[in-house]
Protein backbone atom coordinates (compact mmCIF):
# COMPACT_ATOMS: atom_id res chain seq x y z
CA UNK A 1 -3.15 1.71 -6.28
CA UNK A 2 -0.70 2.00 -8.88
CA UNK A 3 2.44 4.71 -8.28
CA UNK A 4 3.12 7.54 -10.29
CA UNK A 5 7.24 8.08 -11.19
CA UNK A 6 6.29 10.92 -8.89
CA UNK A 7 5.01 8.95 -5.98
CA UNK A 8 8.32 6.84 -5.98
CA UNK A 9 10.52 9.42 -5.95
CA UNK A 10 8.52 11.00 -2.67
CA UNK A 11 8.26 7.34 -1.13
CA UNK A 12 12.25 6.65 -1.46
CA UNK A 13 12.81 10.27 -0.06
CA UNK A 14 10.29 9.93 2.86
CA UNK A 15 11.60 6.52 3.33
CA UNK A 16 15.25 7.43 3.44
CA UNK A 17 14.31 9.99 5.85
CA UNK A 18 12.70 8.26 8.31
CA UNK A 19 13.75 4.87 7.40
CA UNK A 20 17.35 5.03 6.62
CA UNK A 21 18.67 1.98 8.66
CA UNK A 22 15.62 -0.34 8.03
CA UNK A 23 16.62 -3.64 8.16
CA UNK A 24 14.89 -7.22 7.42
CA UNK A 25 13.01 -8.40 10.55
CA UNK A 26 13.49 -11.82 8.81
CA UNK A 27 16.88 -11.98 7.71
CA UNK A 28 18.72 -8.98 8.84
CA UNK A 29 19.00 -7.37 4.80
CA UNK A 30 19.03 -3.56 4.15
CA UNK A 31 18.22 -3.51 0.89
CA UNK A 32 14.47 -3.15 -0.61
CA UNK A 33 12.55 -2.95 -3.38
CA UNK A 34 9.85 -0.48 -3.70
CA UNK A 35 6.46 -2.56 -5.04
CA UNK A 36 4.77 -0.90 -8.21
CA UNK A 37 1.44 -2.15 -6.89
CA UNK A 38 0.40 -1.56 -3.78
CA UNK A 39 -3.12 -2.53 -2.22
CA UNK A 40 -3.89 -5.11 -0.34
CA UNK A 41 -6.99 -6.82 -2.23
CA UNK A 42 -9.30 -7.42 0.81
CA UNK A 43 -11.87 -5.28 2.70
CA UNK A 44 -15.00 -5.65 4.67
CA UNK A 45 -18.19 -4.18 4.30
CA UNK A 46 -19.33 -2.67 7.12
CA UNK A 47 -23.14 -2.92 6.46
CA UNK A 48 -23.13 -6.86 6.45
CA UNK A 49 -19.95 -7.24 8.24
CA UNK A 50 -18.65 -9.52 5.13
CA UNK A 51 -15.16 -9.67 3.67
CA UNK A 52 -14.86 -8.59 -0.45
CA UNK A 53 -12.01 -8.33 -2.78
CA UNK A 54 -12.20 -5.94 -5.19
CA UNK A 55 -12.37 -2.86 -2.71
CA UNK A 56 -9.04 -3.21 -1.15
CA UNK A 57 -6.55 -1.23 1.53
CA UNK A 58 -4.13 1.11 0.17
CA UNK A 59 -0.93 0.51 1.30
CA UNK A 60 2.75 1.30 0.30
CA UNK A 61 4.82 -2.20 0.66
CA UNK A 62 8.66 -2.82 0.27
CA UNK A 63 9.70 -6.18 -0.46
CA UNK A 64 13.56 -7.51 1.10
CA UNK A 65 15.50 -8.29 -1.79
CA UNK A 66 16.99 -11.20 -0.01
CA UNK A 67 13.95 -13.18 1.40
CA UNK A 68 11.08 -11.76 0.01
CA UNK A 69 9.80 -10.09 3.52
CA UNK A 70 7.22 -7.49 3.13
CA UNK A 71 6.73 -4.21 5.01
CA UNK A 72 3.82 -1.98 4.58
CA UNK A 73 3.59 1.85 5.06
CA UNK A 74 0.69 4.10 5.31
CA UNK A 75 0.24 6.23 2.18
CA UNK A 76 -1.58 8.81 3.65
CA UNK A 77 1.23 9.31 6.52
CA UNK A 78 3.56 9.47 3.47
CA UNK A 79 1.77 11.96 1.57
CA UNK A 80 0.43 9.95 -1.38
CA UNK A 81 -3.21 9.85 -2.34
CA UNK A 82 -4.93 6.80 -2.81
CA UNK A 83 -6.86 6.23 -5.58
CA UNK A 84 -10.49 7.15 -5.32
CA UNK A 85 -12.91 4.00 -6.02
CA UNK A 86 -15.42 4.63 -8.50
CA UNK A 87 -18.81 5.29 -6.62
CA UNK A 88 -21.55 2.88 -7.19
CA UNK A 89 -24.86 4.04 -8.01
CA UNK A 90 -27.52 3.19 -5.51
CA UNK A 91 -30.75 2.87 -7.10
CA UNK A 92 -34.21 2.64 -5.16
CA UNK A 93 -36.19 1.65 -8.30
CA UNK A 94 -37.27 -1.69 -8.28
């Protein structure tokens, strides 16, 4: 999920409003960087219960500027609508 400039602005405002004193769980640092592309590239096919890597799970990720620790947030709660994955056409023809 590629974030737009408006998405970045909305995320920054949301984080400042709700998490202004957020500290890194690993090192205690308080400086974070918002990652531009935020998708965890792993999923599970509910029909076969197999993992796949092309669908992904939309996430908003921030990284500690000191140690690289990452934290993820749900984009829907923040008000960011994830990209719609392309619908696969299913054919019953053989």
